[in-house]
Amino acid sequence: MSESNDVKGGNMRLNPTAITVEIAAKMLRLPADIIRKHIEQGAPTAADGTINLVHYAAWLCNRLQAPGPQEFVSNLKPKAQSPEPNVSGANDHGD
């Protein structure tokens, strides 16, 4: 079994090969429900339910490249920004 994470009581050791859903959610700034949904959809976990952060990241990358519906992709991609106005000739009145 992997070394457990004990971040309570000021112990800041974190084992990235065995993190809980809650810690993963905080680290990735995602709702824990999304990670739980990924686990239901096949994201890899250890027998004790912990997540190996590298394996989870690889699973996400494979999902991004796989064809088919990817409802979580919209949460990962930045929103498109409107183009900035062209100001290079804004004060040019042909004088």
N, C-alpha and C. Protein backbone atom coordinates (compact mmCIF):
# COMPACT_ATOMS: atom_id res chain seq x y z
N MET A 1 0.84 -1.18 0.00
CA MET A 1 0.00 0.00 0.00
C MET A 1 0.88 1.24 0.00
N SER A 2 0.42 2.31 -0.63
CA SER A 2 1.18 3.54 -0.75
C SER A 2 1.22 4.28 0.57
N GLU A 3 2.22 5.13 0.69
CA GLU A 3 2.33 5.99 1.86
C GLU A 3 1.12 6.91 1.88
N SER A 4 0.49 7.02 3.04
CA SER A 4 -0.72 7.84 3.12
C SER A 4 -0.36 9.31 3.26
N ASN A 5 -1.34 10.14 2.98
CA ASN A 5 -1.18 11.58 3.11
C ASN A 5 -1.69 12.02 4.47
N ASP A 6 -0.87 12.77 5.19
CA ASP A 6 -1.28 13.32 6.47
C ASP A 6 -1.01 14.80 6.42
N VAL A 7 -2.03 15.57 6.05
CA VAL A 7 -1.85 17.01 5.96
C VAL A 7 -2.52 17.72 7.12
N LYS A 8 -3.04 16.96 8.08
CA LYS A 8 -3.65 17.55 9.27
C LYS A 8 -2.56 17.76 10.32
N GLY A 9 -2.81 18.68 11.22
CA GLY A 9 -1.86 18.90 12.30
C GLY A 9 -0.55 19.51 11.85
N GLY A 10 -0.54 20.20 10.74
CA GLY A 10 0.67 20.88 10.28
C GLY A 10 1.62 20.01 9.48
N ASN A 11 1.33 18.72 9.34
CA ASN A 11 2.19 17.85 8.54
C ASN A 11 1.88 18.09 7.07
N MET A 12 2.82 18.64 6.33
CA MET A 12 2.57 19.03 4.95
C MET A 12 3.09 18.01 3.94
N ARG A 13 3.34 16.77 4.35
CA ARG A 13 3.77 15.74 3.41
C ARG A 13 2.58 15.33 2.55
N LEU A 14 2.80 15.29 1.28
CA LEU A 14 1.76 14.91 0.35
C LEU A 14 2.33 13.89 -0.62
N ASN A 15 1.66 12.77 -0.72
CA ASN A 15 2.10 11.70 -1.62
C ASN A 15 1.25 11.79 -2.89
N PRO A 16 1.80 12.25 -3.99
CA PRO A 16 1.00 12.43 -5.21
C PRO A 16 0.55 11.12 -5.84
N THR A 17 1.05 9.99 -5.33
CA THR A 17 0.62 8.71 -5.88
C THR A 17 -0.57 8.14 -5.11
N ALA A 18 -1.02 8.83 -4.07
CA ALA A 18 -2.15 8.34 -3.27
C ALA A 18 -2.87 9.50 -2.61
N ILE A 19 -3.60 10.27 -3.41
CA ILE A 19 -4.34 11.42 -2.86
C ILE A 19 -5.83 11.11 -2.86
N THR A 20 -6.53 11.73 -1.95
CA THR A 20 -7.98 11.54 -1.88
C THR A 20 -8.65 12.39 -2.95
N VAL A 21 -9.90 12.11 -3.20
CA VAL A 21 -10.69 12.90 -4.15
C VAL A 21 -10.71 14.35 -3.71
N GLU A 22 -10.89 14.58 -2.42
CA GLU A 22 -10.98 15.95 -1.91
C GLU A 22 -9.68 16.72 -2.11
N ILE A 23 -8.55 16.07 -1.85
CA ILE A 23 -7.25 16.74 -2.06
C ILE A 23 -7.03 16.99 -3.55
N ALA A 24 -7.36 16.03 -4.38
CA ALA A 24 -7.22 16.22 -5.83
C ALA A 24 -8.07 17.39 -6.29
N ALA A 25 -9.28 17.49 -5.78
CA ALA A 25 -10.17 18.58 -6.16
C ALA A 25 -9.57 19.93 -5.77
N LYS A 26 -9.02 20.01 -4.59
CA LYS A 26 -8.39 21.27 -4.16
C LYS A 26 -7.19 21.60 -5.02
N MET A 27 -6.36 20.58 -5.30
CA MET A 27 -5.16 20.82 -6.09
C MET A 27 -5.48 21.26 -7.51
N LEU A 28 -6.51 20.65 -8.09
CA LEU A 28 -6.87 20.92 -9.48
C LEU A 28 -7.92 22.01 -9.63
N ARG A 29 -8.39 22.51 -8.50
CA ARG A 29 -9.43 23.55 -8.49
C ARG A 29 -10.66 23.12 -9.27
N LEU A 30 -11.07 21.89 -8.98
CA LEU A 30 -12.28 21.32 -9.58
C LEU A 30 -13.22 20.91 -8.46
N PRO A 31 -14.52 20.90 -8.72
CA PRO A 31 -15.43 20.33 -7.73
C PRO A 31 -15.14 18.84 -7.57
N ALA A 32 -15.21 18.35 -6.34
CA ALA A 32 -14.96 16.94 -6.07
C ALA A 32 -15.93 16.05 -6.84
N ASP A 33 -17.14 16.55 -7.10
CA ASP A 33 -18.12 15.77 -7.85
C ASP A 33 -17.65 15.45 -9.26
N ILE A 34 -16.90 16.34 -9.87
CA ILE A 34 -16.39 16.08 -11.22
C ILE A 34 -15.38 14.93 -11.17
N ILE A 35 -14.51 14.95 -10.18
CA ILE A 35 -13.53 13.87 -10.06
C ILE A 35 -14.23 12.55 -9.76
N ARG A 36 -15.25 12.58 -8.91
CA ARG A 36 -16.01 11.35 -8.63
C ARG A 36 -16.68 10.84 -9.90
N LYS A 37 -17.19 11.75 -10.71
CA LYS A 37 -17.82 11.35 -11.98
C LYS A 37 -16.78 10.72 -12.90
N HIS A 38 -15.59 11.28 -12.94
CA HIS A 38 -14.52 10.70 -13.75
C HIS A 38 -14.19 9.29 -13.28
N ILE A 39 -14.17 9.09 -11.96
CA ILE A 39 -13.90 7.75 -11.43
C ILE A 39 -15.00 6.78 -11.87
N GLU A 40 -16.24 7.24 -11.84
CA GLU A 40 -17.34 6.39 -12.33
C GLU A 40 -17.17 6.07 -13.81
N GLN A 41 -16.56 6.98 -14.55
CA GLN A 41 -16.36 6.80 -15.99
C GLN A 41 -15.07 6.05 -16.31
N GLY A 42 -14.33 5.65 -15.28
CA GLY A 42 -13.15 4.82 -15.52
C GLY A 42 -11.82 5.41 -15.14
N ALA A 43 -11.78 6.59 -14.53
CA ALA A 43 -10.50 7.15 -14.09
C ALA A 43 -9.86 6.18 -13.10
N PRO A 44 -8.55 5.98 -13.20
CA PRO A 44 -7.91 4.97 -12.36
C PRO A 44 -7.82 5.38 -10.89
N THR A 45 -8.05 4.41 -10.01
CA THR A 45 -7.88 4.60 -8.57
C THR A 45 -7.22 3.35 -7.99
N ALA A 46 -6.65 3.51 -6.83
CA ALA A 46 -6.07 2.37 -6.10
C ALA A 46 -7.20 1.63 -5.39
N ALA A 47 -6.88 0.48 -4.84
CA ALA A 47 -7.88 -0.33 -4.13
C ALA A 47 -8.49 0.42 -2.96
N ASP A 48 -7.73 1.34 -2.36
CA ASP A 48 -8.26 2.10 -1.23
C ASP A 48 -9.01 3.36 -1.65
N GLY A 49 -9.18 3.55 -2.96
CA GLY A 49 -9.95 4.69 -3.47
C GLY A 49 -9.13 5.94 -3.71
N THR A 50 -7.83 5.90 -3.44
CA THR A 50 -7.00 7.08 -3.67
C THR A 50 -6.63 7.18 -5.14
N ILE A 51 -6.16 8.35 -5.51
CA ILE A 51 -5.84 8.66 -6.90
C ILE A 51 -4.35 8.91 -7.02
N ASN A 52 -3.74 8.33 -8.04
CA ASN A 52 -2.37 8.66 -8.42
C ASN A 52 -2.49 9.84 -9.37
N LEU A 53 -1.96 10.98 -8.96
CA LEU A 53 -2.14 12.21 -9.74
C LEU A 53 -1.60 12.08 -11.17
N VAL A 54 -0.48 11.38 -11.35
CA VAL A 54 0.09 11.22 -12.69
C VAL A 54 -0.82 10.32 -13.55
N HIS A 55 -1.32 9.24 -12.96
CA HIS A 55 -2.21 8.35 -13.71
C HIS A 55 -3.52 9.06 -14.07
N TYR A 56 -4.03 9.87 -13.15
CA TYR A 56 -5.25 10.62 -13.41
C TYR A 56 -5.03 11.64 -14.53
N ALA A 57 -3.90 12.33 -14.49
CA ALA A 57 -3.59 13.30 -15.55
C ALA A 57 -3.47 12.62 -16.90
N ALA A 58 -2.84 11.44 -16.94
CA ALA A 58 -2.72 10.70 -18.20
C ALA A 58 -4.09 10.28 -18.69
N TRP A 59 -4.95 9.85 -17.78
CA TRP A 59 -6.31 9.45 -18.14
C TRP A 59 -7.07 10.65 -18.74
N LEU A 60 -6.92 11.83 -18.11
CA LEU A 60 -7.57 13.03 -18.64
C LEU A 60 -7.06 13.37 -20.04
N CYS A 61 -5.75 13.27 -20.24
CA CYS A 61 -5.18 13.56 -21.56
C CYS A 61 -5.74 12.60 -22.61
N ASN A 62 -5.84 11.34 -22.27
CA ASN A 62 -6.41 10.37 -23.21
C ASN A 62 -7.86 10.71 -23.51
N ARG A 63 -8.60 11.14 -22.52
CA ARG A 63 -10.00 11.52 -22.73
C ARG A 63 -10.11 12.74 -23.65
N LEU A 64 -9.19 13.68 -23.51
CA LEU A 64 -9.22 14.87 -24.36
C LEU A 64 -8.98 14.52 -25.83
N GLN A 65 -8.21 13.46 -26.07
CA GLN A 65 -7.89 13.05 -27.43
C GLN A 65 -8.89 12.05 -28.00
N ALA A 66 -9.70 11.45 -27.13
CA ALA A 66 -10.65 10.42 -27.58
C ALA A 66 -11.87 11.06 -28.24
N PRO A 67 -12.40 10.42 -29.28
CA PRO A 67 -13.62 10.94 -29.89
C PRO A 67 -14.81 10.68 -28.96
N GLY A 68 -15.84 11.48 -29.12
CA GLY A 68 -17.06 11.29 -28.33
C GLY A 68 -17.31 12.47 -27.41
N PRO A 69 -18.43 12.41 -26.70
CA PRO A 69 -18.79 13.53 -25.83
C PRO A 69 -17.80 13.67 -24.68
N GLN A 70 -17.42 14.89 -24.41
CA GLN A 70 -16.48 15.18 -23.34
C GLN A 70 -16.99 16.39 -22.57
N GLU A 71 -17.95 16.14 -21.70
CA GLU A 71 -18.60 17.24 -21.00
C GLU A 71 -17.66 18.01 -20.08
N PHE A 72 -16.59 17.40 -19.63
CA PHE A 72 -15.70 18.10 -18.72
C PHE A 72 -14.70 18.98 -19.44
N VAL A 73 -14.58 18.85 -20.75
CA VAL A 73 -13.59 19.62 -21.50
C VAL A 73 -13.89 21.11 -21.41
N SER A 74 -15.15 21.49 -21.41
CA SER A 74 -15.49 22.91 -21.35
C SER A 74 -15.00 23.55 -20.06
N ASN A 75 -14.84 22.77 -19.00
CA ASN A 75 -14.32 23.32 -17.75
C ASN A 75 -12.82 23.50 -17.79
N LEU A 76 -12.13 22.81 -18.69
CA LEU A 76 -10.68 22.85 -18.74
C LEU A 76 -10.14 23.85 -19.75
N LYS A 77 -10.90 24.16 -20.78
CA LYS A 77 -10.42 25.06 -21.82
C LYS A 77 -10.81 26.50 -21.48
N PRO A 78 -9.91 27.46 -21.72
CA PRO A 78 -10.27 28.86 -21.47
C PRO A 78 -11.34 29.32 -22.44
N LYS A 79 -12.17 30.21 -21.95
CA LYS A 79 -13.23 30.76 -22.79
C LYS A 79 -12.63 31.68 -23.84
N ALA A 80 -13.24 31.70 -25.02
CA ALA A 80 -12.77 32.55 -26.11
C ALA A 80 -12.99 34.01 -25.74
N GLN A 81 -12.01 34.82 -26.03
CA GLN A 81 -12.13 36.25 -25.76
C GLN A 81 -12.45 36.97 -27.05
N SER A 82 -13.19 38.07 -26.92
CA SER A 82 -13.50 38.86 -28.10
C SER A 82 -12.22 39.54 -28.58
N PRO A 83 -12.08 39.69 -29.89
CA PRO A 83 -10.86 40.30 -30.41
C PRO A 83 -10.70 41.73 -29.93
N GLU A 84 -9.45 42.12 -29.70
CA GLU A 84 -9.19 43.49 -29.27
C GLU A 84 -9.33 44.42 -30.46
N PRO A 85 -9.87 45.63 -30.23
CA PRO A 85 -10.01 46.57 -31.35
C PRO A 85 -8.64 47.00 -31.86
N ASN A 86 -8.56 47.23 -33.14
CA ASN A 86 -7.34 47.70 -33.76
C ASN A 86 -7.19 49.18 -33.49
N VAL A 87 -6.23 49.55 -32.68
CA VAL A 87 -6.05 50.96 -32.31
C VAL A 87 -4.87 51.59 -33.04
N SER A 88 -4.25 50.85 -33.94
CA SER A 88 -3.04 51.35 -34.61
C SER A 88 -3.34 52.56 -35.49
N GLY A 89 -4.49 52.75 -35.98
CA GLY A 89 -4.80 53.91 -36.82
C GLY A 89 -6.03 54.64 -36.33
N ALA A 90 -6.35 54.49 -35.07
CA ALA A 90 -7.58 55.05 -34.53
C ALA A 90 -7.60 56.57 -34.58
N ASN A 91 -6.45 57.23 -34.39
CA ASN A 91 -6.41 58.69 -34.39
C ASN A 91 -5.95 59.22 -35.74
N ASP A 92 -5.79 58.38 -36.70
CA ASP A 92 -5.32 58.78 -38.03
C ASP A 92 -6.52 59.24 -38.83
N HIS A 93 -6.62 60.53 -39.04
CA HIS A 93 -7.75 61.10 -39.79
C HIS A 93 -7.35 61.49 -41.20
N GLY A 94 -6.20 61.00 -41.63
CA GLY A 94 -5.75 61.26 -42.99
C GLY A 94 -5.12 62.61 -43.15
N ASP A 95 -4.71 63.24 -42.04
CA ASP A 95 -4.11 64.59 -42.13
C ASP A 95 -2.75 64.55 -42.74
